[in-house]
Protein backbone atom coordinates (compact mmCIF):
# COMPACT_ATOMS: atom_id res chain seq x y z
CA MET A 1 0.13 0.11 0.31
CA ALA A 2 1.21 3.17 -0.83
CA LEU A 3 0.50 7.13 0.27
CA ILE A 4 0.12 9.01 -3.20
CA VAL A 5 -1.01 12.29 -3.57
CA GLN A 6 -2.77 12.99 -7.00
CA LYS A 7 -3.20 16.55 -8.86
CA TYR A 8 -4.90 17.00 -12.06
CA GLY A 9 -4.72 20.19 -13.85
CA GLY A 10 -7.60 22.35 -15.56
CA THR A 11 -7.85 20.01 -19.07
CA SER A 12 -8.10 17.32 -16.76
CA VAL A 13 -11.20 18.15 -15.04
CA ALA A 14 -12.29 20.87 -17.91
CA ASN A 15 -16.09 20.08 -17.17
CA CYS A 16 -18.62 17.04 -15.23
CA ARG A 17 -17.73 14.11 -17.72
CA ARG A 18 -14.08 14.45 -16.94
CA ILE A 19 -14.59 15.39 -13.32
CA LYS A 20 -16.34 11.73 -13.26
CA ARG A 21 -13.72 10.14 -15.45
CA VAL A 22 -10.89 11.28 -12.82
CA ALA A 23 -12.92 9.96 -9.96
CA GLU A 24 -13.10 6.59 -11.15
CA ARG A 25 -9.04 6.84 -11.75
CA VAL A 26 -9.26 8.37 -8.00
CA ILE A 27 -11.17 5.24 -6.65
CA SER A 28 -9.19 2.67 -8.80
CA ARG A 29 -6.39 3.89 -7.27
CA THR A 30 -8.08 3.30 -3.40
CA GLU A 31 -9.47 0.10 -4.40
CA GLN A 32 -5.97 -1.30 -5.17
CA GLY A 33 -5.27 0.00 -1.58
CA ASP A 34 -3.25 3.04 -1.62
CA ASP A 35 -4.59 6.05 0.23
CA VAL A 36 -4.73 8.67 -1.85
CA VAL A 37 -5.21 12.68 -1.30
CA VAL A 38 -6.44 14.06 -4.41
CA VAL A 39 -5.47 18.54 -5.32
CA LEU A 40 -7.46 20.00 -8.02
CA SER A 41 -6.98 23.08 -10.11
CA ALA A 42 -9.90 24.78 -11.25
CA MET A 43 -11.33 24.13 -14.58
CA ALA A 44 -10.24 24.90 -17.98
CA GLY A 45 -10.00 28.37 -18.64
CA GLN A 46 -11.58 29.56 -15.16
CA THR A 47 -9.05 31.55 -13.99
CA ASN A 48 -9.29 33.60 -17.46
CA TYR A 49 -12.82 34.10 -16.71
CA LEU A 50 -12.68 35.49 -13.89
CA THR A 51 -9.52 37.54 -13.94
CA ASP A 52 -11.72 39.09 -16.94
CA LEU A 53 -14.90 40.09 -14.46
CA ALA A 54 -12.40 41.51 -12.21
CA LEU A 55 -10.82 43.87 -15.22
CA GLU A 56 -14.72 44.73 -15.57
CA MET A 57 -14.16 46.20 -12.06
CA GLN A 58 -10.55 47.88 -11.97
CA SER A 59 -7.98 48.33 -14.90
CA ASN A 60 -5.70 47.06 -12.22
CA PRO A 61 -7.21 44.94 -9.75
CA ASP A 62 -6.79 45.12 -6.15
CA LYS A 63 -4.86 41.92 -5.26
CA ARG A 64 -6.47 40.86 -2.36
CA GLU A 65 -9.86 40.85 -3.65
CA LEU A 66 -8.28 39.26 -7.02
CA ASP A 67 -7.01 36.55 -4.87
CA VAL A 68 -10.70 36.37 -3.25
CA LEU A 69 -12.23 36.10 -6.58
CA LEU A 70 -9.69 33.68 -8.01
CA SER A 71 -9.64 30.94 -4.99
CA THR A 72 -13.47 30.25 -6.03
CA GLY A 73 -12.59 27.87 -9.31
CA GLU A 74 -10.87 25.52 -7.49
CA GLN A 75 -13.96 25.75 -5.26
CA VAL A 76 -15.88 24.40 -7.49
CA THR A 77 -14.15 21.89 -8.95
CA ILE A 78 -13.59 19.56 -5.50
CA ALA A 79 -16.65 19.90 -4.76
CA LEU A 80 -18.17 18.67 -7.57
CA PHE A 81 -15.43 16.17 -7.72
CA SER A 82 -16.44 14.91 -3.73
CA MET A 83 -20.33 14.56 -4.83
CA ALA A 84 -18.69 12.54 -7.90
CA VAL A 85 -16.97 10.21 -6.00
CA LYS A 86 -19.86 9.98 -3.31
CA ALA A 87 -22.08 9.21 -5.64
CA MET A 88 -19.91 6.41 -6.68
CA GLY A 89 -20.55 4.92 -3.58
CA HIS A 90 -16.90 5.95 -1.63
CA GLU A 91 -16.35 9.10 1.05
CA ALA A 92 -14.67 11.99 -0.33
CA ARG A 93 -14.53 15.43 1.40
CA SER A 94 -13.44 18.83 0.37
CA PHE A 95 -10.89 21.03 1.74
CA LEU A 96 -10.25 24.76 0.57
CA GLY A 97 -6.91 26.49 1.30
CA TYR A 98 -8.08 27.78 4.81
CA GLN A 99 -9.15 24.34 5.99
CA VAL A 100 -6.61 22.34 5.57
CA PRO A 101 -5.08 24.97 6.09
CA VAL A 102 -2.33 26.17 3.93
CA GLU A 103 -0.69 28.78 5.56
CA THR A 104 1.26 31.11 3.45
CA ASP A 105 2.84 34.34 3.53
CA ALA A 106 0.75 37.70 2.69
CA ALA A 107 1.98 38.22 -0.99
CA HIS A 108 -1.14 38.16 -2.80
CA SER A 109 -1.15 36.60 -5.92
CA LYS A 110 2.43 35.73 -5.51
CA ALA A 111 2.29 33.87 -1.91
CA ARG A 112 4.67 31.22 -0.92
CA ILE A 113 3.68 28.19 1.06
CA GLN A 114 5.18 28.40 4.71
CA ASN A 115 3.57 25.21 6.35
CA ILE A 116 0.79 22.83 5.92
CA PRO A 117 -0.02 20.96 9.03
CA ALA A 118 -0.87 17.49 7.81
CA GLU A 119 -3.33 16.25 10.80
CA LYS A 120 -6.68 17.17 8.87
CA LEU A 121 -5.97 15.32 5.78
CA LYS A 122 -4.07 12.17 7.44
CA ASN A 123 -7.88 11.82 10.18
CA ALA A 124 -9.74 11.70 6.51
CA LEU A 125 -7.68 8.99 5.73
CA ASN A 126 -7.39 7.11 8.90
CA ASN A 127 -11.38 7.34 8.33
CA GLY A 128 -11.33 6.10 4.80
CA ILE A 129 -12.37 8.94 3.48
CA ILE A 130 -10.56 10.80 0.21
CA PRO A 131 -9.55 14.15 1.12
CA VAL A 132 -9.77 16.67 -1.99
CA VAL A 133 -7.77 19.97 -1.89
CA ALA A 134 -8.19 22.81 -3.18
CA GLY A 135 -5.07 24.20 -5.24
CA PHE A 136 -3.49 27.30 -5.95
CA GLN A 137 -5.12 28.61 -2.39
CA GLY A 138 -3.47 29.52 1.18
CA VAL A 139 -4.68 31.40 4.08
CA THR A 140 -2.15 34.28 5.77
CA ASP A 141 -1.89 34.42 9.84
CA SER A 142 -4.40 36.91 9.80
CA GLY A 143 -6.82 34.55 7.83
CA ASP A 144 -7.10 36.28 4.39
CA ILE A 145 -6.99 34.28 1.26
CA THR A 146 -3.88 34.27 -0.98
CA THR A 147 -3.43 32.71 -4.47
CA LEU A 148 0.00 31.24 -5.40
CA GLY A 149 0.09 32.54 -8.85
CA ARG A 150 -0.28 30.51 -12.42
CA GLY A 151 0.66 26.91 -11.56
CA GLY A 152 0.11 27.36 -8.00
CA SER A 153 -1.75 23.55 -7.84
CA ASP A 154 1.69 21.83 -8.59
CA THR A 155 3.23 23.43 -5.57
CA THR A 156 0.19 23.01 -3.51
CA ALA A 157 0.46 19.29 -4.63
CA VAL A 158 4.08 18.55 -4.22
CA ALA A 159 3.79 20.81 -0.43
CA VAL A 160 0.62 18.14 0.44
CA ALA A 161 2.89 15.18 -0.28
CA VAL A 162 5.98 16.28 1.16
CA ALA A 163 3.83 17.40 4.80
CA ILE A 164 1.81 13.83 5.03
CA GLY A 165 4.81 12.19 3.98
CA ALA A 166 3.41 10.82 1.01
CA ASP A 167 5.99 8.30 -1.13
CA VAL A 168 5.37 9.85 -4.40
CA CYS A 169 3.20 13.14 -5.87
CA GLU A 170 1.30 12.29 -9.18
CA ILE A 171 0.73 15.09 -11.88
CA TYR A 172 -1.80 14.25 -13.97
CA THR A 173 -2.26 16.86 -16.77
CA ASP A 174 -3.40 16.84 -21.07
CA VAL A 175 0.66 15.02 -22.07
CA ASP A 176 2.04 12.40 -21.62
CA GLY A 177 5.36 13.25 -19.49
CA VAL A 178 8.11 15.63 -20.29
CA PHE A 179 9.30 15.83 -23.75
CA THR A 180 12.83 16.68 -25.38
CA THR A 181 10.99 19.88 -26.86
CA ASP A 182 7.56 21.11 -27.56
CA PRO A 183 6.12 18.13 -29.88
CA GLY A 184 3.62 21.07 -30.98
CA ILE A 185 7.02 22.93 -32.50
CA CYS A 186 8.89 19.59 -32.66
CA PRO A 187 7.35 16.74 -34.34
CA THR A 188 10.24 14.53 -33.58
CA ALA A 189 10.26 14.94 -30.19
CA LYS A 190 10.87 12.29 -27.36
CA LYS A 191 9.43 11.45 -24.02
CA ILE A 192 11.73 11.57 -21.47
CA ASP A 193 11.37 8.50 -19.34
CA ARG A 194 13.56 9.70 -16.07
CA ILE A 195 15.04 13.76 -15.43
CA SER A 196 16.33 15.17 -12.60
CA TYR A 197 15.86 17.44 -10.57
CA GLU A 198 17.93 19.97 -11.75
CA GLU A 199 16.81 19.71 -15.33
CA MET A 200 13.45 19.93 -14.46
CA LEU A 201 13.92 23.41 -12.92
CA GLU A 202 15.90 24.56 -15.39
CA MET A 203 13.35 23.78 -18.09
CA ALA A 204 10.43 25.12 -15.59
CA SER A 205 12.39 28.49 -14.82
CA LEU A 206 13.36 28.40 -18.91
CA GLY A 207 9.44 27.96 -20.08
CA ALA A 208 8.64 24.46 -19.89
CA LYS A 209 4.80 24.49 -19.04
CA VAL A 210 4.41 21.04 -17.49
CA LEU A 211 5.67 21.81 -14.29
CA GLU A 212 5.46 25.15 -12.30
CA ILE A 213 9.41 26.18 -10.99
CA ARG A 214 8.14 26.38 -7.30
CA SER A 215 6.51 22.57 -7.01
CA VAL A 216 10.35 21.14 -8.47
CA GLU A 217 12.01 23.18 -5.69
CA PHE A 218 9.74 21.87 -3.01
CA ALA A 219 10.67 18.46 -4.52
CA MET A 220 14.19 18.69 -4.68
CA ARG A 221 14.22 20.33 -1.64
CA TYR A 222 12.70 17.60 0.10
CA ASP A 223 13.79 14.31 -1.98
CA MET A 224 9.90 14.13 -3.27
CA PRO A 225 9.86 12.15 -6.46
CA ILE A 226 7.12 13.46 -9.23
CA HIS A 227 5.48 11.37 -11.74
CA VAL A 228 4.31 13.29 -14.86
CA ARG A 229 1.42 11.46 -16.54
CA SER A 230 -1.72 12.01 -18.36
CA SER A 231 -5.17 11.74 -17.13
CA PHE A 232 -6.25 10.65 -20.28
CA THR A 233 -4.36 7.27 -20.49
CA ASN A 234 -2.76 4.40 -18.24
CA THR A 235 1.14 4.88 -19.53
CA PRO A 236 3.73 5.78 -17.42
CA GLY A 237 5.17 8.89 -17.88
CA THR A 238 7.80 10.86 -16.86
CA MET A 239 9.59 10.34 -13.26
CA VAL A 240 11.53 13.66 -11.61
CA VAL A 241 13.85 12.50 -8.99
CA LYS A 242 17.64 12.54 -8.15
CA GLU A 243 20.24 12.89 -10.61
CA ASP A 244 21.98 9.45 -11.60
CA GLU A 245 24.82 8.28 -12.71
CA LEU A 246 22.98 7.37 -16.11
CA MET A 247 21.85 11.17 -16.68
CA GLU A 248 24.88 12.51 -16.96
CA ASP A 249 25.89 10.08 -19.83
CA VAL A 250 22.95 12.46 -21.74
CA LEU A 251 24.79 15.88 -22.84
CA VAL A 252 21.92 17.56 -23.62
CA SER A 253 18.06 16.50 -22.40
CA SER A 254 15.63 19.21 -23.88
CA VAL A 255 15.50 22.24 -25.38
CA THR A 256 13.02 25.01 -24.04
CA TYR A 257 11.56 28.23 -25.30
CA SER A 258 9.65 31.16 -23.40
CA ARG A 259 8.16 33.77 -25.70
CA ASP A 260 6.94 35.49 -22.27
CA GLU A 261 9.82 37.48 -22.33
CA ALA A 262 10.88 41.50 -22.35
CA ARG A 263 13.78 43.24 -22.68
CA ILE A 264 14.66 46.82 -20.75
CA THR A 265 17.75 48.34 -21.17
CA ILE A 266 18.57 51.60 -19.11
CA SER A 267 21.23 53.43 -20.86
CA LYS A 268 23.96 56.15 -20.23
CA VAL A 269 24.05 55.06 -16.52
CA PRO A 270 26.93 56.69 -14.06
CA ASP A 271 29.36 53.98 -13.44
CA ARG A 272 29.29 54.31 -9.57
CA PRO A 273 29.13 52.03 -6.45
CA GLY A 274 25.61 51.53 -5.77
CA ILE A 275 24.17 52.03 -9.00
CA ALA A 276 23.06 48.69 -9.64
CA SER A 277 21.36 48.43 -6.07
CA ALA A 278 19.52 51.54 -7.09
CA ILE A 279 18.29 50.13 -10.57
CA PHE A 280 16.91 46.96 -9.56
CA LYS A 281 15.92 47.28 -5.51
CA PRO A 282 12.58 49.30 -6.86
CA ILE A 283 12.55 46.26 -9.37
CA SER A 284 12.63 44.02 -6.59
CA ASP A 285 10.69 45.94 -3.90
CA ALA A 286 7.33 45.55 -6.77
CA ASN A 287 7.75 41.70 -6.50
CA ILE A 288 9.40 41.68 -10.45
CA ILE A 289 11.64 38.88 -11.01
CA VAL A 290 14.43 39.57 -13.24
CA ASP A 291 16.32 37.14 -15.21
CA MET A 292 19.42 37.79 -17.70
CA ILE A 293 21.26 41.23 -16.91
CA ILE A 294 24.34 42.46 -19.22
CA GLN A 295 26.02 45.66 -18.19
CA ASN A 296 28.67 47.19 -21.03
CA ALA A 297 30.33 49.72 -20.00
CA ARG A 298 30.84 52.96 -22.20
CA ALA A 299 33.68 55.82 -22.84
CA GLY A 300 33.24 58.33 -20.09
CA ASP A 301 32.44 56.97 -16.36
CA LEU A 302 28.95 55.33 -18.59
CA THR A 303 27.65 52.18 -18.45
CA ASP A 304 24.21 50.59 -20.28
CA MET A 305 22.22 48.03 -17.80
CA THR A 306 20.19 45.32 -19.93
CA PHE A 307 17.82 42.74 -18.45
CA THR A 308 14.70 40.82 -18.80
CA VAL A 309 11.50 40.29 -17.43
CA SER A 310 8.81 38.38 -17.99
CA ARG A 311 6.13 40.02 -20.13
CA ALA A 312 3.03 40.30 -17.76
CA ASP A 313 5.97 42.78 -15.23
CA PHE A 314 7.15 44.40 -18.43
CA ASP A 315 4.61 48.01 -18.22
CA GLN A 316 5.60 47.83 -13.75
CA ALA A 317 9.43 47.85 -14.63
CA MET A 318 9.45 50.48 -17.17
CA SER A 319 7.07 52.96 -15.17
CA ILE A 320 9.57 51.88 -12.35
CA LEU A 321 12.54 52.36 -14.52
CA GLU A 322 11.89 55.54 -15.55
CA GLU A 323 11.57 57.11 -12.20
CA THR A 324 14.88 55.55 -11.36
CA ALA A 325 16.53 57.22 -14.34
CA SER A 326 15.23 60.47 -13.40
CA GLN A 327 16.83 59.71 -9.95
CA ILE A 328 19.91 58.15 -11.07
CA GLY A 329 21.29 60.75 -14.04
CA ALA A 330 20.33 57.76 -16.26
CA GLU A 331 19.99 58.61 -20.54
CA SER A 332 16.78 56.73 -21.25
CA VAL A 333 14.82 53.38 -20.65
CA ALA A 334 13.91 51.47 -23.76
CA GLY A 335 11.90 48.38 -23.77
CA ASP A 336 11.27 45.46 -26.38
CA LYS A 337 8.77 42.71 -26.24
CA LYS A 338 9.59 40.82 -29.46
CA ILE A 339 12.04 38.35 -27.84
CA ALA A 340 11.83 35.33 -27.03
CA LYS A 341 14.37 32.66 -24.98
CA VAL A 342 15.69 29.48 -26.35
CA SER A 343 17.72 27.07 -23.84
CA ILE A 344 19.20 24.05 -23.96
CA VAL A 345 19.20 21.96 -20.66
CA GLY A 346 21.60 18.69 -19.19
CA VAL A 347 23.10 17.83 -16.46
CA GLY A 348 25.78 16.07 -18.73
CA MET A 349 26.75 19.74 -19.47
CA ARG A 350 28.89 19.62 -16.31
CA ASN A 351 31.67 17.33 -17.54
CA HIS A 352 31.45 18.29 -21.33
CA ALA A 353 33.84 21.16 -22.68
CA GLY A 354 32.15 23.06 -26.10
CA VAL A 355 28.52 22.70 -25.60
CA ALA A 356 27.77 26.55 -25.86
CA SER A 357 29.78 26.96 -28.72
CA SER A 358 27.36 23.96 -30.46
CA MET A 359 24.40 26.02 -29.91
CA PHE A 360 26.08 29.35 -30.96
CA ASP A 361 27.43 27.53 -34.39
CA ILE A 362 24.03 25.89 -34.64
CA LEU A 363 22.04 28.61 -34.48
CA ALA A 364 24.50 30.87 -36.29
CA ARG A 365 24.25 27.95 -39.52
CA HIS A 366 20.54 29.13 -39.39
CA GLY A 367 21.02 32.91 -39.48
CA ILE A 368 19.70 33.63 -35.95
CA ASN A 369 21.30 36.35 -34.45
CA ILE A 370 22.22 36.28 -30.47
CA LEU A 371 21.36 39.12 -28.19
CA MET A 372 21.99 37.87 -25.08
CA ILE A 373 23.76 34.98 -23.39
CA SER A 374 23.24 33.34 -19.71
CA THR A 375 24.73 30.29 -18.84
CA SER A 376 24.82 27.69 -15.61
CA GLU A 377 26.43 24.20 -15.15
CA ILE A 378 23.63 22.55 -16.87
CA LYS A 379 22.20 24.93 -19.37
CA VAL A 380 23.01 27.96 -22.18
CA SER A 381 19.85 30.31 -22.68
CA CYS A 382 20.23 33.01 -25.51
CA ILE A 383 17.74 35.65 -26.45
CA ILE A 384 16.60 36.23 -30.01
CA ASP A 385 14.00 37.74 -32.20
CA GLU A 386 10.98 36.18 -31.36
CA LYS A 387 10.23 35.56 -34.80
CA PHE A 388 12.67 32.90 -35.06
CA THR A 389 11.91 30.91 -32.35
CA GLU A 390 10.11 27.86 -34.15
CA LEU A 391 13.37 27.58 -36.27
CA ALA A 392 15.34 28.13 -33.62
CA VAL A 393 13.81 24.80 -31.30
CA ARG A 394 14.18 22.88 -34.29
CA ALA A 395 17.74 23.30 -34.97
CA LEU A 396 18.50 23.01 -31.61
CA HIS A 397 16.71 19.74 -31.35
CA GLU A 398 18.00 18.05 -34.59
CA GLY A 399 21.91 19.90 -33.49
CA PHE A 400 22.18 17.96 -30.13
CA GLY A 401 20.46 14.64 -31.58
CA LEU A 402 17.31 14.79 -29.28
CA ASP A 403 15.43 13.35 -32.72
CA LYS A 404 17.01 10.18 -32.40
CA GLU A 405 16.17 7.08 -30.34
């Protein structure tokens, strides 16, 4: 008998028929003798619908009230799912974030989980009841509802799995697992059977949509295995686990891309101590995440600072930087949203030289100019013109042999 957390995404619970199908899958697992805790997202499209409603009320919705509104999406699915289980002759009980409770900080719309007491969920299991937890949401010390940001149900699921000491966290989605790249762009993409936490973390941070980055951070920190698989088939998916020696034999395991990128340049900045802090502290205070940073020296003790942020944060970042520029005596601020990031990932890079140069050569042979570069031990990322995204992905996938069996 195993203790399992199963998380089902929005496409898996998109309507009542699919919710019933998920209920059948969960019941089948419990009848095999396993204890199952279920974490559910809102129905596909529901969060966007609720966000649109909020925008009809306020052009920049109050984040506390937006969290109250968006959290209702998961409330619908956990209630319907529990009803479906009961109609099939089994017991289930729904738990909203504050009922578990999923304790978070007070950063509305981007809250981070601080603690999850396991008593209520374990008591339900001990009484033969399937606990059904609302993903994506939590509660502050003062009782305010919070949400964890897009993809937050993955984080809820892994955090719940850690809290109850589960054997594995199964993330059910509409794909069969983690692929060497996006099959929608590259038909020769292959499913990966096993991938390390570090590789998955890089892939999530670089644009892969299969898992939310904080869920992988949780899993890696507490060594919680994640099984990414499809809710529409019974085939095994991809196991996200500790790195092993076989993984190091693969030079590049995946090619990822992100179109959620924007570039900002603040020009002719006085080159003196403390200037970087003056630029980036207001950005940090606004909870805006900065990715790549490049500083280019100019003549006469001046420098240019270029960095990337998500497109969702671009307008706010530009507004902040325009004010900062006037305060520090910079000449101007310019931005560009027509860019994309392509990356190669693989733990095998640690022990092999020349991987970055091979990537640059492949892009050059296809006439793709590189605007910015960022590297780590196991990844190389390039900012390119957005119109070359698909060409770059296919070229890199083929160039590093990922299309071969």
